[in-house]
Protein backbone atom coordinates (compact mmCIF):
# COMPACT_ATOMS: atom_id res chain seq x y z
CA MET A 1 14.21 -16.60 19.72
CA PHE A 2 11.78 -14.28 17.88
CA LYS A 3 8.08 -14.89 17.91
CA LYS A 4 6.70 -14.80 14.37
CA ARG A 5 3.28 -13.20 14.09
CA ALA A 6 2.22 -14.47 10.68
CA LYS A 7 -1.21 -13.53 9.37
CA ASN A 8 -3.35 -16.45 8.31
CA PHE A 9 -4.81 -15.53 4.91
CA SER A 10 -7.83 -17.73 4.56
CA GLN A 11 -11.35 -17.52 3.19
CA ILE A 12 -10.46 -16.10 -0.22
CA GLU A 13 -13.72 -15.11 -1.89
CA SER A 14 -12.43 -13.91 -5.28
CA LEU A 15 -9.64 -15.15 -7.52
CA ILE A 16 -8.06 -13.59 -10.58
CA ALA A 17 -6.29 -16.56 -12.11
CA ASN A 18 -2.96 -16.73 -13.94
CA GLY A 19 -3.54 -15.69 -17.56
CA VAL A 20 -6.38 -13.28 -16.72
CA THR A 21 -5.90 -9.52 -17.32
CA ILE A 22 -8.17 -6.87 -15.83
CA LYS A 23 -7.90 -3.16 -16.59
CA GLY A 24 -10.15 -0.99 -14.45
CA ASN A 25 -11.31 -0.50 -10.88
CA ILE A 26 -12.15 -3.34 -8.51
CA ILE A 27 -14.20 -3.03 -5.32
CA SER A 28 -14.56 -6.12 -3.16
CA GLN A 29 -16.29 -6.60 0.18
CA GLY A 30 -14.29 -9.78 0.81
CA SER A 31 -10.78 -11.13 0.38
CA MET A 32 -9.09 -11.55 -3.00
CA ARG A 33 -6.17 -13.45 -4.51
CA ILE A 34 -4.50 -12.26 -7.70
CA ASP A 35 -2.39 -14.62 -9.79
CA GLY A 36 -3.02 -12.72 -13.06
CA PHE A 37 -2.56 -9.06 -14.05
CA VAL A 38 -4.58 -6.08 -12.76
CA ASP A 39 -4.09 -2.48 -13.90
CA GLY A 40 -6.27 0.02 -12.00
CA LYS A 41 -7.51 0.92 -8.55
CA MET A 42 -8.61 -1.68 -6.02
CA ASP A 43 -10.52 -1.21 -2.78
CA ILE A 44 -10.54 -4.55 -0.97
CA LYS A 45 -12.39 -4.65 2.37
CA GLY A 46 -10.82 -8.00 3.21
CA ASP A 47 -7.32 -9.40 2.64
CA LEU A 48 -5.37 -9.06 -0.61
CA ILE A 49 -2.95 -11.75 -1.75
CA ILE A 50 -0.72 -11.23 -4.76
CA GLY A 51 0.53 -14.69 -5.77
CA GLU A 52 4.00 -15.38 -7.19
CA ASN A 53 2.65 -15.03 -10.75
CA GLY A 54 0.53 -12.01 -9.89
CA HIS A 55 1.30 -8.52 -11.20
CA VAL A 56 -0.66 -5.42 -10.21
CA LYS A 57 -0.30 -1.74 -11.18
CA GLY A 58 -2.19 1.16 -9.62
CA GLU A 59 -3.48 2.22 -6.22
CA PHE A 60 -4.67 -0.39 -3.76
CA GLN A 61 -6.33 -0.55 -0.35
CA ALA A 62 -6.87 -3.68 1.74
CA GLU A 63 -7.28 -4.83 5.33
CA ASN A 64 -4.15 -7.05 5.17
CA ALA A 65 -1.84 -7.80 2.25
CA MET A 66 0.55 -10.60 1.29
CA LEU A 67 2.78 -9.76 -1.66
CA ALA A 68 4.54 -12.68 -3.34
CA GLY A 69 4.39 -11.26 -6.88
CA LYS A 70 5.04 -7.84 -8.44
CA VAL A 71 3.27 -4.66 -7.31
CA GLU A 72 3.72 -1.24 -8.93
CA GLY A 73 1.99 1.71 -7.28
CA ALA A 74 0.72 2.88 -3.91
CA LEU A 75 -0.58 0.44 -1.32
CA ILE A 76 -2.59 1.33 1.79
CA VAL A 77 -3.04 -1.56 4.22
CA ARG A 78 -5.14 -0.93 7.29
CA GLN A 79 -3.33 -3.60 9.33
CA ARG A 80 -0.50 -5.96 8.28
CA CYS A 81 1.50 -6.04 5.04
CA GLN A 82 3.86 -8.92 4.30
CA ILE A 83 6.33 -9.01 1.41
CA ALA A 84 7.31 -12.62 0.75
CA GLU A 85 10.76 -13.69 -0.44
CA THR A 86 9.52 -13.61 -4.05
CA GLY A 87 7.66 -10.30 -3.61
CA LEU A 88 8.63 -7.06 -5.37
CA MET A 89 6.95 -3.81 -4.25
CA MET A 90 7.75 -0.80 -6.43
CA GLY A 91 5.96 2.09 -4.75
CA ASP A 92 4.95 3.40 -1.35
CA ILE A 93 3.29 1.41 1.42
CA THR A 94 1.25 2.73 4.33
CA CYS A 95 0.39 0.12 6.97
CA SER A 96 0.37 -0.62 10.70
CA VAL A 97 2.79 -3.57 10.53
CA LEU A 98 5.29 -4.25 7.74
CA SER A 99 7.12 -7.55 7.37
CA ILE A 100 9.66 -8.21 4.60
CA GLU A 101 11.05 -11.72 4.28
CA GLU A 102 14.67 -12.24 3.26
CA GLY A 103 14.75 -11.88 -0.53
CA GLY A 104 11.63 -9.69 -0.61
CA THR A 105 12.11 -6.24 -2.13
CA LEU A 106 10.66 -2.80 -1.40
CA HIS A 107 11.57 0.02 -3.80
CA GLY A 108 9.73 2.94 -2.25
CA ALA A 109 8.84 4.49 1.06
CA SER A 110 7.02 2.93 3.97
CA LYS A 111 4.85 4.84 6.39
CA MET A 112 3.73 3.22 9.60
CA ASN A 113 0.18 4.08 10.56
CA TYR A 114 -1.33 2.97 13.83
CA ASN A 115 -4.87 4.19 13.12
CA LYS A 116 -7.69 2.06 11.76
CA ASN A 117 -8.45 4.26 8.77
CA SER A 118 -5.18 4.87 6.93
CA SER A 119 -6.77 6.77 4.06
CA ASP A 120 -8.09 9.46 6.46
CA VAL A 121 -4.61 9.87 7.90
CA LEU A 122 -3.08 10.15 4.42
CA LEU A 123 -5.54 12.85 3.44
CA SER A 124 -4.99 14.83 6.64
CA ASP A 125 -1.20 14.49 6.28
CA LYS A 126 -1.32 15.92 2.75
CA THR A 127 -3.53 18.80 3.91
CA ASP A 128 -1.28 19.50 6.90
CA SER A 129 1.86 19.44 4.75
CA LYS A 130 0.29 21.95 2.34
CA LYS A 131 -0.52 24.24 5.30
CA ASP A 132 3.02 23.86 6.62
CA HIS A 133 4.44 24.60 3.18
CA SER A 134 2.36 27.78 2.81
CA LYS A 135 3.51 28.96 6.25
CA HIS A 136 7.12 28.30 5.22
CA THR A 137 6.63 30.19 1.95
CA ARG A 138 5.12 33.19 3.77
CA ALA A 139 7.98 33.16 6.29
CA SER A 140 10.54 33.01 3.46
CA ASN A 141 8.86 35.93 1.71
CA LYS A 142 8.94 38.02 4.89
CA THR A 143 12.62 37.19 5.40
CA SER A 144 13.45 38.20 1.79
CA GLU A 145 11.48 41.45 2.18
CA SER A 146 13.38 42.34 5.34
CA LEU A 147 16.71 41.74 3.57
CA GLU A 148 15.88 44.22 0.79
């Protein structure tokens, strides 16, 4: 009845194996699979796969993401993010397409972004919200002054 549009995660170029712990920043031009523990920031130009035994904490960016393990932090995916039935996402996700399998868990907010460069949109959204907030504050101040 429904057509499933699963992303084929192939051509993994880097692997962080079960039992390996990395604390720090990772920048990768290709795809990566994590079955160990990573604590830090990651900027992955390719696909990011968090295996069932994988656990990551921090801020992450990737082209596509498949989460079957535990993720704590903010995730920006330029295209498709899938949370598998064993996946646990504790934090906010920004992506173009979000898929959560039955049993998969998202504790956080999701923001759908249809632009190629999600990080630019996030930065402009934060700037715009600050401008809107300052306008609201000025308007509130004027209203309070007129009441006095």
